[in-house]
């Protein structure tokens, strides 16, 4: 490659073995697009910058490496902001390249001009603008280093249009983010072991994206040996195998009482890869009264933590767990407590035929998914009431099999499935979306087809924003307002994109349709129609058919 800034950026991406860049093209970064033309890096073109950003976030969740997305200035950057916010709150490494106006028209309210640092300074770990060609290579390498180190998160890199085609200095050797060997002070480890041994009601809280099969296996051995229940942070429940006798469920929205008891009544809490955040603690009202709090996290600042810290280890949880040797075996009291909370989880997470209403369709749909999906299937979701079924009834046996926004962002399911089908083309990928959630980024079905991806997309259609309607019923009962939806024929929409589709109005038909989708060679959409949310009382409206006012 020549020594243009754009080619320097691509060289750095290649040296870091970045497999693909997700993007929506813009004239502000034509130089970068041209440099990628001759690269082996796959360029994935999405239909919306929010979708492209979610794809990059999903790739990071699945690989542990920073996802990469490129968008244009102004409107493009605004559209991508949802992914930046998600990556920041979810502690997910992400590098965002944003094309900018040329420097000679800066500060003149030029076409699509905006202040990159003002926009993203509070929702990114760092914001760089490559104004100086000579430092381009170093800045790009630094962006990845920051995104992947400590508390992972997004880094935004601005690319002035004319700088991309200027000459740059030679490419610096890439600085990979290698985790240094961690040596724990023996006295600190001993103090932690003694505290855990002395506790009557200890609990492990897992979270974050640093988990793999090895670290999960180490924690499983420790927790089962010492009869210590394991719970997870919100939407981090795939970090620990659910078939372990120590697993009692996840905290946060839709939790079960076994998990609530294990955490809320603990006299020692050991956070592994997470902290006492607002969602897992019911806005800091659950837990916090323990005698000892151990926090193991790569984030030295413990951003989001509220409450005491008795002992802190700035480390990857997997590294720290290997130092926990010679914990005492389980006591009868601990075994009884673990058995009780585990049974509460099992009762709660097993669909029962006699359940009715919301639980009836959830149990049927997610019960079938649990029965038919392979253990290594990847589940991708956005946000909404439908996710409660996934959290409750789908059991994960290995890390990195669930992708969901911990900040509650809607619209992630389909874009995340696109990324999952590219990262793991040999595995089953399922995207779950409510009708409201699907409407945010359902257009990325086109990207799924364009990349030859294969996924099963399940749209749960209740003709409304169900979560917000539930909140309305609690705060303003019987007064639904602004939460009903008029939806298209999703099966027809899917077929128009080249997918197979099943229209399911009888829940009994879901199992056979899922079986057909799993056997299909191409992507399939399952449109599951359930009872709609109540609509607002009739109000005068213009009838498009008759042009008359109806009441």
Protein backbone atom coordinates (compact mmCIF):
# COMPACT_ATOMS: atom_id res chain seq x y z
CA UNK A 1 0.00 0.00 0.00
CA UNK A 2 1.05 3.60 -0.56
CA UNK A 3 1.62 5.86 2.42
CA UNK A 4 -1.68 7.73 2.30
CA UNK A 5 -3.38 8.15 5.67
CA UNK A 6 -6.28 5.96 4.52
CA UNK A 7 -3.89 3.17 3.57
CA UNK A 8 -2.08 3.57 6.88
CA UNK A 9 -5.36 3.05 8.74
CA UNK A 10 -6.14 -0.11 6.78
CA UNK A 11 -2.62 -1.43 7.35
CA UNK A 12 -3.12 -1.01 11.10
CA UNK A 13 -6.42 -2.89 10.88
CA UNK A 14 -4.73 -5.70 8.98
CA UNK A 15 -1.89 -5.91 11.48
CA UNK A 16 -4.45 -6.30 14.23
CA UNK A 17 -6.15 -9.02 12.19
CA UNK A 18 -9.47 -7.18 12.09
CA UNK A 19 -11.68 -9.54 10.08
CA UNK A 20 -14.32 -7.06 8.93
CA UNK A 21 -15.51 -3.47 9.05
CA UNK A 22 -19.23 -2.71 9.28
CA UNK A 23 -20.29 0.50 7.58
CA UNK A 24 -22.76 2.69 5.77
CA UNK A 25 -20.86 4.59 3.05
CA UNK A 26 -20.46 8.37 3.02
CA UNK A 27 -18.55 10.82 0.85
CA UNK A 28 -16.62 12.00 3.90
CA UNK A 29 -14.54 8.82 4.07
CA UNK A 30 -14.19 7.82 0.41
CA UNK A 31 -10.44 7.53 0.93
CA UNK A 32 -10.91 4.83 3.57
CA UNK A 33 -13.39 2.93 1.40
CA UNK A 34 -10.90 3.02 -1.47
CA UNK A 35 -8.11 1.72 0.75
CA UNK A 36 -10.31 -1.16 1.87
CA UNK A 37 -10.98 -2.09 -1.78
CA UNK A 38 -7.67 -3.94 -2.04
CA UNK A 39 -7.65 -5.33 1.50
CA UNK A 40 -8.63 -8.83 2.61
CA UNK A 41 -10.74 -7.21 5.34
CA UNK A 42 -14.41 -7.88 4.67
CA UNK A 43 -16.49 -4.74 4.18
CA UNK A 44 -20.05 -5.30 5.43
CA UNK A 45 -22.48 -2.69 4.14
CA UNK A 46 -25.49 -2.19 6.40
CA UNK A 47 -28.72 -0.33 5.68
CA UNK A 48 -28.51 2.01 8.69
CA UNK A 49 -25.64 3.27 10.81
CA UNK A 50 -27.38 2.09 13.98
CA UNK A 51 -27.54 -1.41 12.52
CA UNK A 52 -23.88 -1.27 11.46
CA UNK A 53 -22.88 -0.16 14.95
CA UNK A 54 -24.87 -2.96 16.60
CA UNK A 55 -23.18 -5.47 14.29
CA UNK A 56 -19.77 -4.27 15.44
CA UNK A 57 -20.84 -4.41 19.10
CA UNK A 58 -22.10 -7.97 18.59
CA UNK A 59 -18.83 -9.04 16.98
CA UNK A 60 -16.94 -7.69 19.97
CA UNK A 61 -19.20 -9.64 22.34
CA UNK A 62 -18.52 -12.85 20.45
CA UNK A 63 -14.76 -12.46 20.02
CA UNK A 64 -13.53 -10.33 22.92
CA UNK A 65 -11.81 -8.06 20.37
CA UNK A 66 -12.89 -4.56 19.42
CA UNK A 67 -15.56 -4.41 16.75
CA UNK A 68 -15.05 -1.82 14.00
CA UNK A 69 -17.65 0.42 12.35
CA UNK A 70 -17.28 3.33 9.91
CA UNK A 71 -19.92 6.03 9.39
CA UNK A 72 -20.14 9.47 7.89
CA UNK A 73 -20.35 12.89 9.53
CA UNK A 74 -23.39 14.57 11.10
CA UNK A 75 -26.48 12.42 10.44
CA UNK A 76 -24.45 9.22 10.08
CA UNK A 77 -22.70 9.76 13.39
CA UNK A 78 -26.03 10.60 15.04
CA UNK A 79 -27.50 7.31 13.81
CA UNK A 80 -24.50 5.39 15.13
CA UNK A 81 -24.71 6.97 18.58
CA UNK A 82 -27.01 4.23 19.89
CA UNK A 83 -24.25 1.66 19.39
CA UNK A 84 -21.67 3.92 21.02
CA UNK A 85 -23.88 4.39 24.07
CA UNK A 86 -24.53 0.64 24.22
CA UNK A 87 -20.83 -0.18 24.03
CA UNK A 88 -20.04 2.34 26.76
CA UNK A 89 -22.68 1.19 29.23
CA UNK A 90 -22.13 -2.49 28.40
CA UNK A 91 -18.31 -2.30 28.66
CA UNK A 92 -17.81 -3.61 25.12
CA UNK A 93 -14.72 -2.69 23.04
CA UNK A 94 -15.61 -0.75 19.88
CA UNK A 95 -13.67 1.45 17.46
CA UNK A 96 -15.80 3.91 15.50
CA UNK A 97 -14.37 5.72 12.47
CA UNK A 98 -16.35 8.86 11.62
CA UNK A 99 -15.78 10.77 8.40
CA UNK A 100 -15.59 14.54 8.97
CA UNK A 101 -15.71 17.71 6.91
CA UNK A 102 -12.42 19.04 5.56
CA UNK A 103 -10.41 21.07 8.04
CA UNK A 104 -10.44 24.29 5.97
CA UNK A 105 -14.22 24.63 6.39
CA UNK A 106 -14.31 23.69 10.04
CA UNK A 107 -16.13 25.98 12.52
CA UNK A 108 -18.18 27.58 9.75
CA UNK A 109 -21.38 25.57 10.31
CA UNK A 110 -20.54 23.70 7.14
CA UNK A 111 -22.66 20.98 5.57
CA UNK A 112 -23.16 18.19 8.13
CA UNK A 113 -20.61 19.73 10.49
CA UNK A 114 -20.72 18.81 14.18
CA UNK A 115 -18.38 18.75 17.16
CA UNK A 116 -17.17 15.15 17.48
CA UNK A 117 -15.73 15.57 20.96
CA UNK A 118 -18.76 17.44 22.28
CA UNK A 119 -21.10 14.75 20.98
CA UNK A 120 -19.23 11.69 22.19
CA UNK A 121 -16.95 12.92 24.95
CA UNK A 122 -19.31 11.62 27.66
CA UNK A 123 -20.16 8.27 26.03
CA UNK A 124 -16.76 7.13 24.75
CA UNK A 125 -13.53 6.25 26.49
CA UNK A 126 -11.63 8.56 24.12
CA UNK A 127 -12.23 10.72 21.05
CA UNK A 128 -9.44 11.35 18.55
CA UNK A 129 -9.36 13.45 15.37
CA UNK A 130 -6.66 12.53 12.86
CA UNK A 131 -5.67 16.06 11.92
CA UNK A 132 -1.97 15.22 11.61
CA UNK A 133 -1.02 12.61 8.98
CA UNK A 134 2.25 11.81 10.71
CA UNK A 135 0.49 10.52 13.83
CA UNK A 136 -2.28 8.55 12.11
CA UNK A 137 -0.77 5.12 12.65
CA UNK A 138 -0.03 5.76 16.32
CA UNK A 139 -3.51 7.16 16.97
CA UNK A 140 -5.28 4.20 15.37
CA UNK A 141 -3.15 1.73 17.32
CA UNK A 142 -3.85 3.71 20.47
CA UNK A 143 -7.60 3.64 19.80
CA UNK A 144 -7.64 -0.15 19.86
CA UNK A 145 -5.43 -0.24 22.94
CA UNK A 146 -7.81 2.02 24.87
CA UNK A 147 -10.95 0.25 23.66
CA UNK A 148 -9.75 -3.18 24.75
CA UNK A 149 -7.91 -2.38 27.99
CA UNK A 150 -9.17 -1.77 31.51
CA UNK A 151 -12.91 -1.26 31.44
CA UNK A 152 -13.57 -1.95 27.73
CA UNK A 153 -15.60 0.54 25.76
CA UNK A 154 -15.90 2.62 22.60
CA UNK A 155 -13.27 4.89 21.09
CA UNK A 156 -14.29 7.35 18.38
CA UNK A 157 -11.78 8.36 15.69
CA UNK A 158 -12.59 11.34 13.46
CA UNK A 159 -11.32 11.32 9.86
CA UNK A 160 -11.19 14.75 8.17
CA UNK A 161 -12.00 14.20 4.53
CA UNK A 162 -8.86 15.67 2.95
CA UNK A 163 -6.48 14.22 5.54
CA UNK A 164 -7.39 10.67 4.42
CA UNK A 165 -5.69 11.28 1.07
CA UNK A 166 -2.62 13.07 2.43
CA UNK A 167 0.74 11.40 2.80
CA UNK A 168 1.48 9.83 6.17
CA UNK A 169 4.60 8.73 7.99
CA UNK A 170 5.63 5.09 7.90
CA UNK A 171 3.45 2.55 9.68
CA UNK A 172 4.43 1.94 13.29
CA UNK A 173 4.58 -1.62 14.60
CA UNK A 174 1.10 -2.41 15.86
CA UNK A 175 0.70 -2.39 19.62
CA UNK A 176 -1.48 -5.33 20.46
CA UNK A 177 -3.41 -5.15 23.71
CA UNK A 178 -1.71 -7.96 25.59
CA UNK A 179 -2.77 -8.57 29.14
CA UNK A 180 0.29 -8.47 31.41
CA UNK A 181 0.96 -11.33 33.75
CA UNK A 182 -0.87 -10.64 36.99
CA UNK A 183 0.77 -11.53 40.28
CA UNK A 184 -1.49 -11.16 43.29
CA UNK A 185 -0.08 -10.29 46.68
CA UNK A 186 -0.22 -13.51 48.73
CA UNK A 187 -1.61 -11.70 51.77
CA UNK A 188 -4.49 -10.24 49.73
CA UNK A 189 -5.43 -13.60 48.26
CA UNK A 190 -5.18 -15.22 51.67
CA UNK A 191 -7.45 -12.55 53.15
CA UNK A 192 -10.01 -13.18 50.41
CA UNK A 193 -9.91 -16.94 50.95
CA UNK A 194 -10.29 -16.54 54.70
CA UNK A 195 -13.24 -14.19 54.24
CA UNK A 196 -15.00 -16.55 51.83
CA UNK A 197 -14.39 -19.52 54.14
CA UNK A 198 -15.73 -17.62 57.15
CA UNK A 199 -18.88 -16.41 55.41
CA UNK A 200 -22.13 -18.22 56.10
CA UNK A 201 -23.99 -16.90 53.06
CA UNK A 202 -21.48 -16.00 50.33
CA UNK A 203 -22.45 -15.40 46.70
CA UNK A 204 -20.56 -14.94 43.43
CA UNK A 205 -21.88 -12.31 40.99
CA UNK A 206 -20.57 -12.74 37.44
CA UNK A 207 -20.71 -10.17 34.67
CA UNK A 208 -18.91 -8.56 31.77
CA UNK A 209 -17.62 -10.08 28.54
CA UNK A 210 -14.29 -11.53 29.71
CA UNK A 211 -15.62 -15.03 30.35
CA UNK A 212 -14.66 -18.10 28.35
CA UNK A 213 -15.14 -21.83 28.81
CA UNK A 214 -11.95 -22.18 30.88
CA UNK A 215 -12.73 -19.42 33.38
CA UNK A 216 -16.35 -20.58 33.67
CA UNK A 217 -15.15 -24.12 34.40
CA UNK A 218 -12.81 -22.88 37.15
CA UNK A 219 -15.61 -20.92 38.81
CA UNK A 220 -17.94 -23.90 38.52
CA UNK A 221 -15.45 -26.16 40.32
CA UNK A 222 -14.96 -23.61 43.11
CA UNK A 223 -18.65 -22.78 43.56
CA UNK A 224 -19.81 -26.39 43.61
CA UNK A 225 -17.00 -27.43 45.99
CA UNK A 226 -17.82 -24.68 48.49
CA UNK A 227 -21.61 -24.59 47.85
CA UNK A 228 -21.57 -20.92 46.87
CA UNK A 229 -24.47 -19.81 44.67
CA UNK A 230 -23.65 -18.00 41.44
CA UNK A 231 -25.84 -15.22 40.07
CA UNK A 232 -25.19 -12.89 37.17
CA UNK A 233 -25.44 -9.25 36.30
CA UNK A 234 -28.32 -8.28 34.00
CA UNK A 235 -27.96 -9.97 30.58
CA UNK A 236 -24.64 -11.57 31.52
CA UNK A 237 -26.26 -14.91 32.33
CA UNK A 238 -24.36 -16.84 29.63
CA UNK A 239 -21.10 -16.35 31.56
CA UNK A 240 -21.75 -19.41 33.74
CA UNK A 241 -23.18 -22.85 32.80
CA UNK A 242 -26.82 -23.17 33.79
CA UNK A 243 -26.61 -26.92 34.38
CA UNK A 244 -24.27 -26.32 37.32
CA UNK A 245 -25.75 -27.03 40.75
CA UNK A 246 -24.36 -23.64 41.81
CA UNK A 247 -26.28 -21.56 39.24
CA UNK A 248 -29.37 -19.85 40.70
CA UNK A 249 -30.20 -17.25 38.03
CA UNK A 250 -29.61 -13.70 36.91
CA UNK A 251 -30.32 -10.42 38.68
CA UNK A 252 -32.01 -7.35 37.26
CA UNK A 253 -35.30 -7.12 35.40
CA UNK A 254 -37.28 -10.36 35.41
CA UNK A 255 -35.16 -12.08 38.07
CA UNK A 256 -36.32 -15.08 40.12
CA UNK A 257 -36.67 -15.17 43.89
CA UNK A 258 -33.86 -17.69 44.33
CA UNK A 259 -31.36 -15.26 42.79
CA UNK A 260 -32.83 -12.41 44.80
CA UNK A 261 -32.43 -14.34 48.06
CA UNK A 262 -28.91 -15.54 47.29
CA UNK A 263 -27.77 -11.99 46.59
CA UNK A 264 -29.93 -9.92 48.90
CA UNK A 265 -29.30 -11.99 52.04
CA UNK A 266 -25.57 -12.61 51.43
CA UNK A 267 -23.03 -11.79 54.12
CA UNK A 268 -20.22 -11.83 51.55
CA UNK A 269 -20.52 -10.76 47.91
CA UNK A 270 -17.75 -11.44 45.41
CA UNK A 271 -18.22 -9.51 42.16
CA UNK A 272 -16.41 -11.09 39.22
CA UNK A 273 -16.13 -8.89 36.13
CA UNK A 274 -18.88 -6.55 37.28
CA UNK A 275 -19.82 -4.24 40.15
CA UNK A 276 -22.89 -3.36 42.20
CA UNK A 277 -24.71 -1.61 39.37
CA UNK A 278 -28.16 -0.09 39.52
CA UNK A 279 -30.04 -2.70 37.50
CA UNK A 280 -28.73 -5.80 39.28
CA UNK A 281 -29.37 -4.17 42.67
CA UNK A 282 -32.83 -2.72 41.92
CA UNK A 283 -31.41 0.80 41.93
CA UNK A 284 -29.19 -0.01 44.91
CA UNK A 285 -32.03 -1.21 47.13
CA UNK A 286 -31.17 -4.94 46.93
CA UNK A 287 -28.02 -6.15 48.64
CA UNK A 288 -25.35 -3.86 49.98
CA UNK A 289 -25.68 -4.97 53.60
CA UNK A 290 -23.05 -7.71 53.47
CA UNK A 291 -20.13 -7.81 55.89
CA UNK A 292 -17.51 -8.18 53.16
CA UNK A 293 -17.42 -7.09 49.50
CA UNK A 294 -14.76 -8.41 47.14
CA UNK A 295 -14.56 -6.85 43.67
CA UNK A 296 -12.50 -8.39 40.88
CA UNK A 297 -12.58 -6.19 37.79
CA UNK A 298 -10.24 -4.81 35.15
CA UNK A 299 -11.76 -1.39 35.87
CA UNK A 300 -9.62 0.21 38.55
CA UNK A 301 -12.16 3.03 38.97
CA UNK A 302 -15.15 0.68 39.47
CA UNK A 303 -17.40 2.92 37.42
CA UNK A 304 -21.05 2.39 38.40
CA UNK A 305 -20.30 0.71 41.73
CA UNK A 306 -22.27 1.86 44.75
CA UNK A 307 -21.46 0.55 48.22
CA UNK A 308 -18.50 -0.69 50.17
CA UNK A 309 -15.39 -2.39 48.80
CA UNK A 310 -13.53 -4.50 51.33
CA UNK A 311 -10.96 -5.95 48.92
CA UNK A 312 -10.36 -4.95 45.30
CA UNK A 313 -8.38 -6.87 42.69
CA UNK A 314 -7.72 -5.05 39.40
CA UNK A 315 -7.62 -8.14 37.23
CA UNK A 316 -9.43 -10.41 34.84
CA UNK A 317 -11.78 -12.67 36.85
CA UNK A 318 -10.35 -15.80 35.22
CA UNK A 319 -6.82 -14.95 36.34
CA UNK A 320 -7.93 -14.25 39.89
CA UNK A 321 -10.00 -17.41 40.22
CA UNK A 322 -6.98 -19.60 39.54
CA UNK A 323 -5.43 -18.20 42.72
CA UNK A 324 -8.36 -19.35 44.85
CA UNK A 325 -6.96 -22.63 46.10
CA UNK A 326 -7.89 -24.66 49.16
CA UNK A 327 -11.29 -23.15 49.82
CA UNK A 328 -13.05 -25.16 52.47
CA UNK A 329 -15.61 -27.73 51.41
CA UNK A 330 -19.30 -27.01 51.70
CA UNK A 331 -20.94 -26.94 55.12
CA UNK A 332 -24.41 -28.43 55.68
CA UNK A 333 -25.87 -24.96 56.10
CA UNK A 334 -24.39 -23.76 52.81
CA UNK A 335 -25.58 -26.90 51.02
CA UNK A 336 -29.12 -26.39 52.30
CA UNK A 337 -29.14 -22.75 51.21
CA UNK A 338 -27.75 -23.58 47.77
CA UNK A 339 -30.25 -26.39 47.27
CA UNK A 340 -33.15 -24.08 48.20
CA UNK A 341 -32.14 -21.24 45.89
CA UNK A 342 -31.26 -23.63 43.06
CA UNK A 343 -34.65 -25.32 43.33
CA UNK A 344 -36.36 -21.94 43.22
CA UNK A 345 -34.51 -21.24 39.98
CA UNK A 346 -35.39 -24.63 38.48
CA UNK A 347 -39.07 -24.24 39.34
CA UNK A 348 -39.10 -20.76 37.85
CA UNK A 349 -37.17 -21.59 34.67
CA UNK A 350 -39.13 -24.70 33.69
CA UNK A 351 -42.24 -24.02 31.55
CA UNK A 352 -45.41 -25.39 33.13
CA UNK A 353 -48.43 -26.40 31.08
CA UNK A 354 -50.89 -24.88 33.54
CA UNK A 355 -49.54 -21.35 33.20
CA UNK A 356 -51.81 -18.94 31.37
CA UNK A 357 -51.74 -15.54 29.71
CA UNK A 358 -48.28 -14.10 29.13
CA UNK A 359 -46.57 -17.12 30.69
CA UNK A 360 -48.49 -19.48 28.38
CA UNK A 361 -47.07 -18.21 25.10
CA UNK A 362 -43.65 -17.56 26.63
CA UNK A 363 -43.50 -21.08 28.01
CA UNK A 364 -44.57 -22.58 24.68
CA UNK A 365 -42.27 -20.54 22.47
CA UNK A 366 -39.19 -20.56 24.66
CA UNK A 367 -39.81 -24.10 25.83
CA UNK A 368 -39.64 -25.21 22.20
CA UNK A 369 -36.51 -23.16 21.62
CA UNK A 370 -34.86 -24.74 24.65
CA UNK A 371 -35.86 -28.22 23.49
CA UNK A 372 -34.79 -27.89 19.86
CA UNK A 373 -31.76 -25.55 19.83
CA UNK A 374 -28.22 -26.96 20.16
CA UNK A 375 -26.24 -25.97 23.24
CA UNK A 376 -23.90 -23.72 21.25
CA UNK A 377 -26.71 -21.74 19.59
CA UNK A 378 -26.27 -17.97 19.72
CA UNK A 379 -29.25 -15.94 20.92
CA UNK A 380 -29.43 -12.27 19.88
CA UNK A 381 -32.03 -9.88 21.31
CA UNK A 382 -32.90 -6.23 21.56
CA UNK A 383 -35.15 -4.94 24.34
CA UNK A 384 -38.76 -5.50 25.34
CA UNK A 385 -41.04 -7.75 27.36
CA UNK A 386 -40.34 -10.68 25.03
CA UNK A 387 -36.76 -10.86 26.34
CA UNK A 388 -38.09 -12.01 29.73
CA UNK A 389 -38.86 -15.38 28.14
CA UNK A 390 -35.30 -15.73 26.87
CA UNK A 391 -33.84 -14.85 30.26
CA UNK A 392 -36.17 -17.24 32.02
CA UNK A 393 -36.47 -20.34 29.86
CA UNK A 394 -33.33 -20.53 27.68
CA UNK A 395 -30.43 -22.24 29.40
CA UNK A 396 -26.86 -21.43 28.37
CA UNK A 397 -24.00 -23.86 28.88
CA UNK A 398 -21.08 -21.81 27.53
CA UNK A 399 -20.07 -18.15 27.44
CA UNK A 400 -20.58 -15.90 24.44
CA UNK A 401 -23.88 -17.49 23.43
CA UNK A 402 -26.11 -14.51 24.29
CA UNK A 403 -25.98 -11.02 22.76
CA UNK A 404 -28.24 -8.41 24.28
CA UNK A 405 -27.89 -4.71 25.12
CA UNK A 406 -27.49 -4.19 28.85
CA UNK A 407 -28.50 -0.56 28.40
CA UNK A 408 -31.94 -1.61 27.14
CA UNK A 409 -31.46 -0.44 23.54
CA UNK A 410 -34.10 -1.65 21.11
CA UNK A 411 -33.31 -2.96 17.65
CA UNK A 412 -30.16 -5.02 18.29
CA UNK A 413 -31.47 -8.53 17.56
CA UNK A 414 -31.35 -8.63 13.76
CA UNK A 415 -28.04 -6.71 13.35
CA UNK A 416 -26.43 -8.87 16.03
CA UNK A 417 -27.58 -11.98 14.18
CA UNK A 418 -25.89 -10.69 11.03
CA UNK A 419 -22.59 -10.41 12.89
CA UNK A 420 -23.04 -13.77 14.63
CA UNK A 421 -23.66 -15.52 11.32
CA UNK A 422 -20.40 -14.06 9.99
CA UNK A 423 -18.30 -14.78 13.09
CA UNK A 424 -19.71 -18.32 13.53
CA UNK A 425 -21.17 -19.46 10.20
CA UNK A 426 -21.24 -23.06 11.43
CA UNK A 427 -23.52 -22.39 14.39
CA UNK A 428 -27.24 -21.83 14.83
CA UNK A 429 -28.10 -18.15 15.24
CA UNK A 430 -31.46 -16.95 16.51
CA UNK A 431 -32.58 -13.32 16.53
CA UNK A 432 -35.49 -12.45 18.82
CA UNK A 433 -37.46 -9.25 18.40
CA UNK A 434 -40.75 -7.79 19.44
CA UNK A 435 -42.68 -5.94 16.77
CA UNK A 436 -41.53 -2.61 18.19
CA UNK A 437 -37.96 -3.82 18.43
CA UNK A 438 -37.98 -5.29 14.92
CA UNK A 439 -39.18 -1.99 13.52
CA UNK A 440 -35.97 -0.31 14.66
CA UNK A 441 -33.57 -2.35 12.51
CA UNK A 442 -35.57 -4.98 10.67
CA UNK A 443 -34.20 -3.59 7.42
CA UNK A 444 -30.95 -5.42 8.20
CA UNK A 445 -32.62 -8.58 6.89
CA UNK A 446 -31.25 -7.26 3.60
CA UNK A 447 -27.73 -7.27 5.04
CA UNK A 448 -28.24 -10.80 6.35
CA UNK A 449 -29.09 -11.92 2.82
CA UNK A 450 -26.34 -9.86 1.16
CA UNK A 451 -23.68 -11.48 3.34
CA UNK A 452 -25.08 -14.99 2.79
CA UNK A 453 -25.72 -15.24 6.51
CA UNK A 454 -28.09 -17.75 7.98
CA UNK A 455 -30.27 -17.02 10.99
CA UNK A 456 -33.70 -17.72 12.40
CA UNK A 457 -35.52 -14.45 13.08
CA UNK A 458 -38.46 -14.66 15.48
CA UNK A 459 -40.80 -11.66 15.63
CA UNK A 460 -43.15 -11.64 18.64
CA UNK A 461 -46.02 -9.42 17.52
CA UNK A 462 -48.38 -7.99 20.13
CA UNK A 463 -49.20 -4.88 18.09
CA UNK A 464 -47.61 -2.53 20.56
CA UNK A 465 -44.77 -1.42 22.77
CA UNK A 466 -45.50 -3.97 25.48
CA UNK A 467 -42.92 -2.88 28.04
CA UNK A 468 -44.08 0.72 28.06
CA UNK A 469 -47.71 -0.40 28.14
CA UNK A 470 -46.88 -2.45 31.27
CA UNK A 471 -45.40 0.65 32.89
CA UNK A 472 -48.51 2.61 31.96
CA UNK A 473 -50.72 0.01 33.60
CA UNK A 474 -48.73 0.31 36.82
CA UNK A 475 -48.67 4.10 36.94
CA UNK A 476 -51.81 5.06 34.99
CA UNK A 477 -54.03 1.96 34.97
CA UNK A 478 -56.61 1.67 32.23
CA UNK A 479 -55.21 4.63 30.30
CA UNK A 480 -53.03 3.29 27.45
CA UNK A 481 -51.56 6.10 25.40
CA UNK A 482 -49.16 6.00 22.47
CA UNK A 483 -48.19 2.36 22.82
CA UNK A 484 -50.21 0.56 20.13
CA UNK A 485 -48.78 -0.28 16.71
CA UNK A 486 -50.17 -1.06 13.27
CA UNK A 487 -47.89 -3.63 11.71
CA UNK A 488 -47.21 -4.97 8.23
CA UNK A 489 -47.39 -8.58 7.11
CA UNK A 490 -44.00 -9.70 8.46
CA UNK A 491 -44.09 -12.99 6.57
CA UNK A 492 -44.56 -11.14 3.29
CA UNK A 493 -41.81 -8.71 4.26
CA UNK A 494 -39.43 -11.57 4.99
CA UNK A 495 -40.19 -13.28 1.68
CA UNK A 496 -39.56 -10.01 -0.12
CA UNK A 497 -36.05 -10.11 1.36
CA UNK A 498 -35.55 -13.70 0.20
CA UNK A 499 -36.15 -15.45 3.52
CA UNK A 500 -38.47 -18.31 4.19
CA UNK A 501 -41.33 -17.31 6.47
CA UNK A 502 -44.02 -18.82 8.70
CA UNK A 503 -47.12 -16.95 9.89
CA UNK A 504 -47.97 -18.36 13.34
CA UNK A 505 -51.24 -17.33 14.96
CA UNK A 506 -51.69 -20.60 16.90
CA UNK A 507 -48.86 -21.20 19.39
CA UNK A 508 -49.24 -24.95 18.81
CA UNK A 509 -47.78 -24.38 15.34
CA UNK A 510 -44.56 -22.85 16.65
CA UNK A 511 -42.74 -26.12 17.34
CA UNK A 512 -43.17 -27.56 13.81
CA UNK A 513 -42.28 -24.18 12.28
CA UNK A 514 -39.10 -23.98 14.35
CA UNK A 515 -38.17 -27.52 13.34
CA UNK A 516 -38.61 -26.53 9.69
CA UNK A 517 -36.51 -23.39 10.18
CA UNK A 518 -33.67 -25.36 11.76
CA UNK A 519 -33.64 -27.74 8.79
CA UNK A 520 -33.81 -24.97 6.17
CA UNK A 521 -30.71 -24.03 4.20
CA UNK A 522 -31.52 -20.34 4.23
CA UNK A 523 -32.67 -17.82 6.79
CA UNK A 524 -36.21 -18.06 8.10
CA UNK A 525 -38.53 -15.61 9.81
CA UNK A 526 -41.15 -16.87 12.26
CA UNK A 527 -43.95 -14.35 12.76
CA UNK A 528 -45.58 -15.18 16.11
CA UNK A 529 -48.82 -13.29 16.62
CA UNK A 530 -50.02 -13.06 20.21
CA UNK A 531 -52.77 -11.07 21.93
CA UNK A 532 -52.33 -7.36 21.20
CA UNK A 533 -51.79 -4.79 23.91
CA UNK A 534 -54.96 -2.80 24.68
CA UNK A 535 -55.38 0.31 22.58
CA UNK A 536 -56.32 3.78 23.65
CA UNK A 537 -59.98 4.83 23.64
CA UNK A 538 -61.19 5.87 20.20
CA UNK A 539 -60.58 9.47 19.23
CA UNK A 540 -61.53 11.40 16.12
CA UNK A 541 -59.31 10.29 13.25
CA UNK A 542 -59.27 10.74 9.51
CA UNK A 543 -60.22 7.53 7.74
CA UNK A 544 -57.97 7.25 4.68
CA UNK A 545 -60.50 5.03 2.89
CA UNK A 546 -63.52 7.32 3.17
CA UNK A 547 -61.89 10.68 3.98
CA UNK A 548 -64.46 10.98 6.73
CA UNK A 549 -63.92 11.50 10.43
CA UNK A 550 -64.67 8.36 12.44
CA UNK A 551 -65.10 8.06 16.17
